[in-house]
Amino acid sequence: MTLRTTAPEIPKQGRSAGMAFIMIAVLIDMVSIGLIVPVLPALVGSFAPDPTEQAWWYGAVAFAFGFANFLGAPVLGALSDRFGRRPILLLGFCGLALNFFATAMATSLAVLIGVRLIGGAMQANAAVANAYVADITPPEQRARRFGMLGAMFGMGFILGPVMGGILGAINLHLPFYVAGSLALLNLAYGYFVLPESLSFAQRKPMAWRSANLVSALRNLTRLTGVGLLVAVMALASLAQFMMHTVWVLANSLRFGWGPGENGWSLFAVGVMAVLVQGFLLRRFLNWFGTRRFAVIGLSSGAMAYLLWGLATEGWMMYAVIACNVFAFGATAAVQSLISNSADEHSQGQTMGAVSSLNSLMAVAAPVLATPLLAMVSHLTLPDWRVGAPYYFCALLQACAALFALRYLRTHKPEPASAAAATFDSATH
């Protein structure tokens, strides 16, 4: 199939429809990814049954995808600035489908790692989707729109992990085949329906020298007023990816959870993400303003990580999820501040740089998280040390909150009334 790069662009009056298109695409994308979350550790365990060995190899599998995405994201982000968002999104859907089908058919850990490397290199959907939203959204409305996009991510994690847990209980490989089919559905949807968001006037030539991690991050830190936010994003992302790395396996070891229980716990996380980012975020920004809310959300996240580490029963994990309201909107606030610092010609490269930063943290997370988990995998509750990976996440998130607080004090804060006014005029 030839990927068309000359799809109809979105006129100003059609930008609300364009937002609806990208939200549906992201939803399908995240459902397909969420499907495999509860079963991937078990698939790794089928090749490495010892708990300590399983923790190490699962870290290697997670590292492979993050490392490949870390290298590929800035290139794909720059390509989206040159050729448009749509063809790069379609390439990402192809990469996901290939990744899922090949993972289902993997016969060894070496094959599984190779497949994850290829899939990670081809997949930059999150960065390009964020750039797409920035293309069609005025700067003052981006925090809300990024929140809406985050709600779709959360919705995907409502549906995906539960479906993955149910399907995984039937057959360990079934969720991967279903996820690959959904990725192909997204490819068809994008090819026939999704319009291009980047006008030809906004595109810029591809500069290969700048399409790498070092240049991308250097350009990101040079954006006016963004330096501290890069540190905030890095620390918060590292904490989040470490939590993602250990969540399923740590809960299985601590509480004896299987794919079903882990799927339902991720379902709860998705419900809270949709509730906050889809419905409550405007109110929070109305009360606190974007910058202040980022500090509050990051602080709430730090407390949640600590309490997850201290939990001695499974129901406590759910209690912390329910109470961790503010943290689910913090990333949208920080992302909005970074996006607003870039011009309209560099949104793809800027979001690609943010994605590269996230991918770098995704590379570092298994390297840090899996040794911590392996060190305490022989311990059982109520030994408080079994929560060591979560304690480290709490430390990282607390540092992110401190950097965000410093940013708040050294930059003029956004008036809460101004933030609220932008969301009153935002279209859904």
Protein backbone atom coordinates (compact mmCIF):
# COMPACT_ATOMS: atom_id res chain seq x y z
CA MET A 1 0.00 0.00 0.00
CA THR A 2 1.33 3.45 -0.90
CA LEU A 3 1.03 5.97 1.90
CA ARG A 4 -0.46 9.13 0.48
CA THR A 5 1.19 12.34 1.63
CA THR A 6 -1.23 14.66 -0.14
CA ALA A 7 -4.40 13.99 1.83
CA PRO A 8 -6.84 16.88 2.10
CA GLU A 9 -5.74 19.38 4.73
CA ILE A 10 -8.08 20.52 7.47
CA PRO A 11 -9.72 23.90 6.84
CA LYS A 12 -10.23 26.13 9.85
CA GLN A 13 -13.92 25.26 10.07
CA GLY A 14 -13.07 21.54 10.04
CA ARG A 15 -10.61 21.53 12.92
CA SER A 16 -13.14 20.22 15.43
CA ALA A 17 -13.71 17.26 13.12
CA GLY A 18 -9.95 16.80 12.83
CA MET A 19 -9.73 16.60 16.62
CA ALA A 20 -12.43 13.94 16.65
CA PHE A 21 -10.54 11.95 14.01
CA ILE A 22 -7.26 11.99 15.92
CA MET A 23 -8.96 11.12 19.21
CA ILE A 24 -10.54 8.01 17.65
CA ALA A 25 -7.20 7.03 16.12
CA VAL A 26 -5.45 7.40 19.48
CA LEU A 27 -8.19 5.45 21.24
CA ILE A 28 -7.86 2.47 18.90
CA ASP A 29 -4.07 2.74 19.17
CA MET A 30 -4.11 2.64 22.96
CA VAL A 31 -6.65 -0.18 23.16
CA SER A 32 -4.32 -2.28 21.02
CA ILE A 33 -1.33 -1.41 23.22
CA GLY A 34 -3.30 -1.91 26.44
CA LEU A 35 -4.34 -5.39 25.33
CA ILE A 36 -0.83 -6.77 25.73
CA VAL A 37 0.11 -5.09 29.04
CA PRO A 38 -1.32 -7.78 31.38
CA VAL A 39 0.08 -10.69 29.34
CA LEU A 40 3.54 -9.58 28.15
CA PRO A 41 5.24 -10.46 31.49
CA ALA A 42 3.56 -13.87 31.39
CA LEU A 43 4.78 -14.38 27.81
CA VAL A 44 8.31 -13.58 28.93
CA GLY A 45 7.78 -15.94 31.87
CA SER A 46 6.97 -18.76 29.44
CA PHE A 47 10.60 -18.54 28.30
CA ALA A 48 12.08 -17.70 31.75
CA PRO A 49 10.06 -19.33 34.57
CA ASP A 50 12.31 -18.32 37.50
CA PRO A 51 10.95 -15.08 39.09
CA THR A 52 14.33 -13.36 39.27
CA GLU A 53 15.23 -14.40 35.72
CA GLN A 54 11.77 -13.33 34.54
CA ALA A 55 12.27 -9.87 36.03
CA TRP A 56 15.61 -9.44 34.25
CA TRP A 57 14.36 -10.64 30.86
CA TYR A 58 11.17 -8.60 31.07
CA GLY A 59 13.38 -5.58 31.65
CA ALA A 60 15.39 -6.50 28.54
CA VAL A 61 12.22 -6.74 26.44
CA ALA A 62 10.97 -3.37 27.73
CA PHE A 63 14.42 -1.87 27.15
CA ALA A 64 14.47 -3.05 23.52
CA PHE A 65 11.25 -1.24 22.57
CA GLY A 66 12.19 1.94 24.45
CA PHE A 67 15.72 2.04 23.01
CA ALA A 68 14.50 1.67 19.42
CA ASN A 69 11.79 4.29 19.96
CA PHE A 70 14.37 6.54 21.59
CA LEU A 71 16.42 6.51 18.38
CA GLY A 72 13.52 6.64 15.95
CA ALA A 73 11.18 9.23 17.50
CA PRO A 74 13.16 12.41 16.60
CA VAL A 75 13.59 11.19 13.02
CA LEU A 76 9.88 10.44 12.66
CA GLY A 77 8.98 13.75 14.33
CA ALA A 78 11.16 15.67 11.88
CA LEU A 79 9.73 13.68 8.97
CA SER A 80 6.24 14.68 10.09
CA ASP A 81 7.32 18.35 9.91
CA ARG A 82 8.50 17.73 6.33
CA PHE A 83 5.82 15.42 4.88
CA GLY A 84 2.88 15.89 7.26
CA ARG A 85 1.49 14.06 10.28
CA ARG A 86 -0.75 11.62 8.46
CA PRO A 87 1.84 9.44 6.64
CA ILE A 88 3.95 9.10 9.79
CA LEU A 89 0.90 8.05 11.80
CA LEU A 90 0.15 5.42 9.15
CA LEU A 91 3.73 4.18 9.36
CA GLY A 92 3.31 3.88 13.13
CA PHE A 93 0.16 1.80 12.74
CA CYS A 94 2.05 -0.54 10.40
CA GLY A 95 4.84 -0.84 12.95
CA LEU A 96 2.41 -1.71 15.73
CA ALA A 97 0.66 -4.37 13.66
CA LEU A 98 3.99 -5.96 12.72
CA ASN A 99 5.12 -5.82 16.36
CA PHE A 100 2.00 -7.49 17.75
CA PHE A 101 1.71 -10.29 15.19
CA ALA A 102 5.42 -11.12 15.34
CA THR A 103 5.37 -11.07 19.16
CA ALA A 104 2.53 -13.59 19.15
CA MET A 105 4.61 -15.91 16.97
CA ALA A 106 7.93 -15.44 18.81
CA THR A 107 9.63 -18.72 19.66
CA SER A 108 12.41 -17.42 21.90
CA LEU A 109 13.45 -14.43 23.94
CA ALA A 110 15.95 -13.39 21.24
CA VAL A 111 13.17 -13.27 18.64
CA LEU A 112 10.92 -11.39 21.05
CA ILE A 113 13.58 -8.74 21.68
CA GLY A 114 14.27 -8.38 17.94
CA VAL A 115 10.60 -7.86 17.22
CA ARG A 116 10.33 -5.19 19.90
CA LEU A 117 13.32 -3.37 18.43
CA ILE A 118 11.69 -3.16 14.99
CA GLY A 119 8.31 -2.15 16.39
CA GLY A 120 9.80 0.56 18.61
CA ALA A 121 11.77 2.11 15.74
CA MET A 122 8.65 2.47 13.60
CA GLN A 123 6.34 3.80 16.29
CA ALA A 124 6.09 7.49 17.18
CA ASN A 125 2.31 7.79 17.28
CA ALA A 126 2.14 9.64 20.60
CA ALA A 127 4.54 12.40 19.47
CA VAL A 128 2.88 12.84 16.06
CA ALA A 129 -0.61 12.82 17.59
CA ASN A 130 0.44 15.59 19.99
CA ALA A 131 1.89 17.57 17.07
CA TYR A 132 -1.35 17.00 15.15
CA VAL A 133 -3.34 18.48 18.04
CA ALA A 134 -0.94 21.44 18.25
CA ASP A 135 -1.43 22.07 14.50
CA ILE A 136 -5.21 22.46 14.80
CA THR A 137 -5.40 24.14 18.22
CA PRO A 138 -4.71 27.76 19.27
CA PRO A 139 -1.95 27.96 21.90
CA GLU A 140 -4.30 29.07 24.67
CA GLN A 141 -6.47 25.95 24.21
CA ARG A 142 -3.73 23.33 24.02
CA ALA A 143 -3.70 22.25 27.65
CA ARG A 144 -7.37 21.30 27.38
CA ARG A 145 -6.86 19.57 24.03
CA PHE A 146 -3.85 17.65 25.34
CA GLY A 147 -6.04 16.67 28.27
CA MET A 148 -8.69 15.37 25.85
CA LEU A 149 -6.01 13.38 24.07
CA GLY A 150 -4.85 12.07 27.43
CA ALA A 151 -8.42 11.02 28.15
CA MET A 152 -8.31 8.86 25.02
CA PHE A 153 -5.09 7.29 26.27
CA GLY A 154 -6.88 6.60 29.53
CA MET A 155 -9.93 5.20 27.75
CA GLY A 156 -7.63 2.85 25.87
CA PHE A 157 -6.29 1.68 29.20
CA ILE A 158 -9.83 1.14 30.44
CA LEU A 159 -10.71 -1.17 27.59
CA GLY A 160 -7.38 -2.67 26.57
CA PRO A 161 -6.01 -4.26 29.76
CA VAL A 162 -9.36 -5.75 30.78
CA MET A 163 -9.79 -7.25 27.31
CA GLY A 164 -6.17 -8.42 27.42
CA GLY A 165 -6.69 -10.07 30.81
CA ILE A 166 -9.84 -11.86 29.66
CA LEU A 167 -8.32 -12.98 26.35
CA GLY A 168 -5.03 -13.92 28.02
CA ALA A 169 -6.87 -16.23 30.38
CA ILE A 170 -8.14 -18.07 27.30
CA ASN A 171 -4.83 -18.14 25.44
CA LEU A 172 -1.63 -16.27 26.19
CA HIS A 173 -1.08 -15.34 22.53
CA LEU A 174 -4.65 -14.30 21.70
CA PRO A 175 -4.36 -10.66 22.93
CA PHE A 176 -1.42 -10.07 20.57
CA TYR A 177 -3.40 -11.23 17.53
CA VAL A 178 -6.36 -9.05 18.54
CA ALA A 179 -4.04 -6.08 19.12
CA GLY A 180 -2.47 -6.54 15.68
CA SER A 181 -5.92 -6.63 14.11
CA LEU A 182 -6.85 -3.37 15.83
CA ALA A 183 -3.63 -1.77 14.56
CA LEU A 184 -4.62 -2.78 11.02
CA LEU A 185 -8.08 -1.31 11.63
CA ASN A 186 -6.43 1.95 12.66
CA LEU A 187 -4.30 1.85 9.51
CA ALA A 188 -7.43 1.55 7.38
CA TYR A 189 -9.20 4.28 9.34
CA GLY A 190 -6.25 6.64 8.99
CA TYR A 191 -5.81 5.94 5.28
CA PHE A 192 -9.44 6.53 4.33
CA VAL A 193 -10.66 9.03 6.95
CA LEU A 194 -7.91 10.90 8.80
CA PRO A 195 -7.17 14.29 7.15
CA GLU A 196 -3.78 15.98 7.11
CA SER A 197 -3.31 18.70 9.75
CA LEU A 198 -0.09 20.36 8.58
CA SER A 199 -0.48 22.78 5.68
CA PHE A 200 2.20 22.98 3.01
CA ALA A 201 3.05 26.49 4.18
CA GLN A 202 3.89 25.16 7.64
CA ARG A 203 6.20 22.40 6.45
CA LYS A 204 9.97 22.69 6.49
CA PRO A 205 12.84 20.81 4.84
CA MET A 206 14.22 17.74 6.55
CA ALA A 207 17.53 18.43 8.30
CA TRP A 208 19.12 15.06 9.06
CA ARG A 209 21.76 16.62 11.29
CA SER A 210 19.03 17.84 13.65
CA ALA A 211 16.96 14.63 13.47
CA ASN A 212 18.75 12.92 16.34
CA LEU A 213 18.36 12.77 20.07
CA VAL A 214 21.17 15.20 20.97
CA SER A 215 19.99 17.93 18.57
CA ALA A 216 16.35 17.39 19.48
CA LEU A 217 16.95 17.72 23.19
CA ARG A 218 19.30 20.68 22.68
CA ASN A 219 16.63 22.50 20.68
CA LEU A 220 14.06 21.60 23.31
CA THR A 221 16.11 23.11 26.12
CA ARG A 222 16.68 26.27 24.04
CA LEU A 223 12.98 27.07 23.86
CA THR A 224 12.25 30.13 25.95
CA GLY A 225 11.43 29.23 29.54
CA VAL A 226 11.52 25.47 29.00
CA GLY A 227 14.82 24.43 30.61
CA LEU A 228 13.38 23.42 33.99
CA LEU A 229 10.36 21.83 32.34
CA VAL A 230 12.68 19.42 30.51
CA ALA A 231 13.96 18.23 33.90
CA VAL A 232 10.39 17.99 35.19
CA MET A 233 9.29 15.94 32.18
CA ALA A 234 12.35 13.69 32.40
CA LEU A 235 11.96 12.85 36.09
CA ALA A 236 8.19 12.40 35.94
CA SER A 237 8.47 10.22 32.82
CA LEU A 238 11.18 8.08 34.39
CA ALA A 239 9.02 7.50 37.45
CA GLN A 240 6.01 6.64 35.29
CA PHE A 241 7.92 4.24 33.05
CA MET A 242 9.49 2.53 36.04
CA MET A 243 6.01 2.03 37.47
CA HIS A 244 4.78 0.65 34.13
CA THR A 245 7.76 -1.71 34.01
CA VAL A 246 7.15 -3.27 37.41
CA TRP A 247 3.37 -2.90 37.91
CA VAL A 248 2.17 -6.24 36.54
CA LEU A 249 5.12 -8.34 37.67
CA ALA A 250 5.41 -6.71 41.10
CA ASN A 251 1.69 -7.13 41.79
CA SER A 252 1.87 -10.74 40.64
CA LEU A 253 4.73 -11.43 43.05
CA ARG A 254 3.28 -9.46 45.97
CA PHE A 255 -0.42 -10.26 45.75
CA GLY A 256 -0.51 -13.34 43.52
CA TRP A 257 -2.40 -11.46 40.79
CA GLY A 258 -2.84 -13.03 37.34
CA PRO A 259 -3.65 -11.38 33.97
CA GLY A 260 -7.26 -10.78 35.02
CA GLU A 261 -6.45 -9.01 38.29
CA ASN A 262 -3.73 -6.94 36.68
CA GLY A 263 -6.07 -6.05 33.83
CA TRP A 264 -8.72 -4.78 36.24
CA SER A 265 -6.17 -2.71 38.16
CA LEU A 266 -5.12 -1.02 34.91
CA PHE A 267 -8.81 -0.59 34.14
CA ALA A 268 -9.08 1.46 37.34
CA VAL A 269 -6.12 3.60 36.27
CA GLY A 270 -7.77 4.22 32.90
CA VAL A 271 -11.08 5.20 34.51
CA MET A 272 -9.34 7.79 36.66
CA ALA A 273 -7.37 9.14 33.69
CA VAL A 274 -10.55 9.62 31.65
CA LEU A 275 -12.42 11.15 34.57
CA VAL A 276 -9.69 13.68 35.30
CA GLN A 277 -8.44 14.53 31.81
CA GLY A 278 -11.82 14.34 30.12
CA PHE A 279 -14.02 16.05 32.71
CA LEU A 280 -12.19 17.54 35.70
CA LEU A 281 -9.10 19.10 34.14
CA ARG A 282 -10.87 22.33 33.13
CA ARG A 283 -12.03 22.85 36.69
CA PHE A 284 -8.58 22.20 38.09
CA LEU A 285 -7.00 24.69 35.69
CA ASN A 286 -9.76 27.16 36.54
CA TRP A 287 -8.87 26.92 40.22
CA PHE A 288 -5.08 26.69 40.07
CA GLY A 289 -3.77 27.77 36.66
CA THR A 290 -1.59 25.57 34.44
CA ARG A 291 1.74 26.02 36.23
CA ARG A 292 0.44 25.70 39.77
CA PHE A 293 -1.64 22.69 38.86
CA ALA A 294 1.46 20.95 37.45
CA VAL A 295 3.14 21.24 40.88
CA ILE A 296 0.07 19.94 42.68
CA GLY A 297 -0.33 17.01 40.29
CA LEU A 298 3.32 15.99 40.52
CA SER A 299 3.21 16.14 44.32
CA SER A 300 0.10 13.97 44.35
CA GLY A 301 1.88 11.45 42.15
CA ALA A 302 4.87 11.29 44.51
CA MET A 303 2.58 10.45 47.42
CA ALA A 304 0.80 7.79 45.35
CA TYR A 305 4.05 6.00 44.50
CA LEU A 306 5.00 5.93 48.17
CA LEU A 307 1.64 4.49 49.21
CA TRP A 308 1.73 1.87 46.43
CA GLY A 309 5.08 0.72 47.77
CA LEU A 310 3.72 0.45 51.30
CA ALA A 311 0.53 -1.40 50.29
CA THR A 312 0.18 -4.82 51.93
CA GLU A 313 -3.10 -5.90 50.28
CA GLY A 314 -4.41 -5.65 46.74
CA TRP A 315 -7.38 -3.43 47.58
CA MET A 316 -4.98 -0.74 48.81
CA MET A 317 -3.66 -0.31 45.26
CA TYR A 318 -7.19 0.57 44.15
CA ALA A 319 -7.64 2.99 47.05
CA VAL A 320 -4.51 4.91 46.09
CA ILE A 321 -5.59 5.01 42.43
CA ALA A 322 -8.94 6.52 43.45
CA CYS A 323 -7.32 9.17 45.65
CA ASN A 324 -4.59 10.14 43.17
CA VAL A 325 -6.83 12.57 41.30
CA PHE A 326 -4.56 15.52 40.56
CA ALA A 327 -1.64 13.48 39.18
CA PHE A 328 -3.57 12.35 36.11
CA GLY A 329 -3.63 15.88 34.67
CA ALA A 330 -0.09 17.03 35.46
CA THR A 331 1.50 15.77 32.24
CA ALA A 332 -1.03 17.63 30.07
CA ALA A 333 -0.20 20.87 31.87
CA VAL A 334 3.57 20.48 31.47
CA GLN A 335 3.19 19.39 27.85
CA SER A 336 1.08 22.45 27.09
CA LEU A 337 3.74 24.77 28.48
CA ILE A 338 6.41 23.17 26.28
CA SER A 339 4.23 23.16 23.15
CA ASN A 340 3.35 26.83 23.58
CA SER A 341 7.07 27.68 23.54
CA ALA A 342 7.52 26.28 19.99
CA ASP A 343 6.48 27.96 16.72
CA GLU A 344 3.99 26.44 14.27
CA HIS A 345 6.77 25.17 11.97
CA SER A 346 8.45 23.08 14.69
CA GLN A 347 5.60 21.39 16.54
CA GLY A 348 6.46 17.99 15.12
CA GLN A 349 10.14 18.28 16.00
CA THR A 350 9.30 19.68 19.43
CA MET A 351 6.83 16.92 20.22
CA GLY A 352 9.31 14.45 18.72
CA ALA A 353 11.94 15.78 21.11
CA VAL A 354 9.53 15.34 24.02
CA SER A 355 8.83 11.83 22.78
CA SER A 356 12.58 11.19 22.54
CA LEU A 357 12.98 12.37 26.09
CA ASN A 358 10.19 10.02 27.13
CA SER A 359 11.80 7.23 25.13
CA LEU A 360 15.13 7.89 26.83
CA MET A 361 13.38 7.49 30.15
CA ALA A 362 11.70 4.34 28.82
CA VAL A 363 15.19 3.02 28.07
CA ALA A 364 16.48 3.93 31.51
CA ALA A 365 13.41 2.65 33.39
CA PRO A 366 13.95 -1.12 32.92
CA VAL A 367 17.66 -0.69 33.66
CA LEU A 368 16.77 0.83 37.03
CA ALA A 369 13.47 -0.87 37.84
CA THR A 370 14.16 -4.51 37.07
CA PRO A 371 17.30 -4.79 39.25
CA LEU A 372 15.34 -3.22 42.12
CA LEU A 373 12.51 -5.68 41.56
CA ALA A 374 14.90 -8.62 41.22
CA MET A 375 16.58 -7.65 44.50
CA VAL A 376 13.31 -7.90 46.42
CA SER A 377 11.60 -10.65 44.38
CA HIS A 378 12.44 -13.23 47.07
CA LEU A 379 10.77 -11.18 49.80
CA THR A 380 7.13 -11.52 50.80
CA LEU A 381 4.61 -9.26 52.47
CA PRO A 382 4.43 -7.69 55.00
CA ASP A 383 8.13 -6.90 54.49
CA TRP A 384 8.09 -3.22 53.54
CA ARG A 385 11.16 -3.61 51.30
CA VAL A 386 9.11 -5.33 48.58
CA GLY A 387 7.96 -1.84 47.54
CA ALA A 388 11.50 -0.64 46.72
CA PRO A 389 10.80 0.18 43.03
CA TYR A 390 7.82 2.33 44.02
CA TYR A 391 9.85 4.17 46.67
CA PHE A 392 12.38 5.14 44.01
CA CYS A 393 9.54 6.35 41.77
CA ALA A 394 8.28 8.48 44.66
CA LEU A 395 11.72 10.06 45.01
CA LEU A 396 11.90 10.88 41.29
CA GLN A 397 8.41 12.35 41.26
CA ALA A 398 9.13 14.46 44.35
CA CYS A 399 12.20 15.89 42.61
CA ALA A 400 10.06 16.68 39.55
CA ALA A 401 7.60 18.52 41.79
CA LEU A 402 10.44 20.56 43.32
CA PHE A 403 11.73 21.56 39.88
CA ALA A 404 8.20 22.50 38.83
CA LEU A 405 7.86 24.60 41.99
CA ARG A 406 11.09 26.38 41.12
CA TYR A 407 9.76 27.00 37.61
CA LEU A 408 6.60 28.48 39.14
CA ARG A 409 8.64 30.85 41.27
CA THR A 410 10.98 32.01 38.48
CA HIS A 411 8.34 32.50 35.76
CA LYS A 412 5.26 34.66 35.84
CA PRO A 413 2.36 32.34 36.71
CA GLU A 414 -0.65 32.12 34.41
CA PRO A 415 -3.75 33.72 35.99
CA ALA A 416 -6.33 31.10 36.83
CA SER A 417 -9.09 33.22 35.26
CA ALA A 418 -7.23 33.32 31.93
CA ALA A 419 -6.78 29.57 31.96
CA ALA A 420 -10.47 29.07 32.61
CA ALA A 421 -11.48 31.43 29.81
CA THR A 422 -9.56 29.42 27.23
CA PHE A 423 -11.44 26.24 28.15
CA ASP A 424 -14.82 27.89 28.06
CA SER A 425 -14.19 28.62 24.38
CA ALA A 426 -12.60 25.25 23.54
CA THR A 427 -14.58 22.98 21.25
CA HIS A 428 -15.02 19.29 21.86
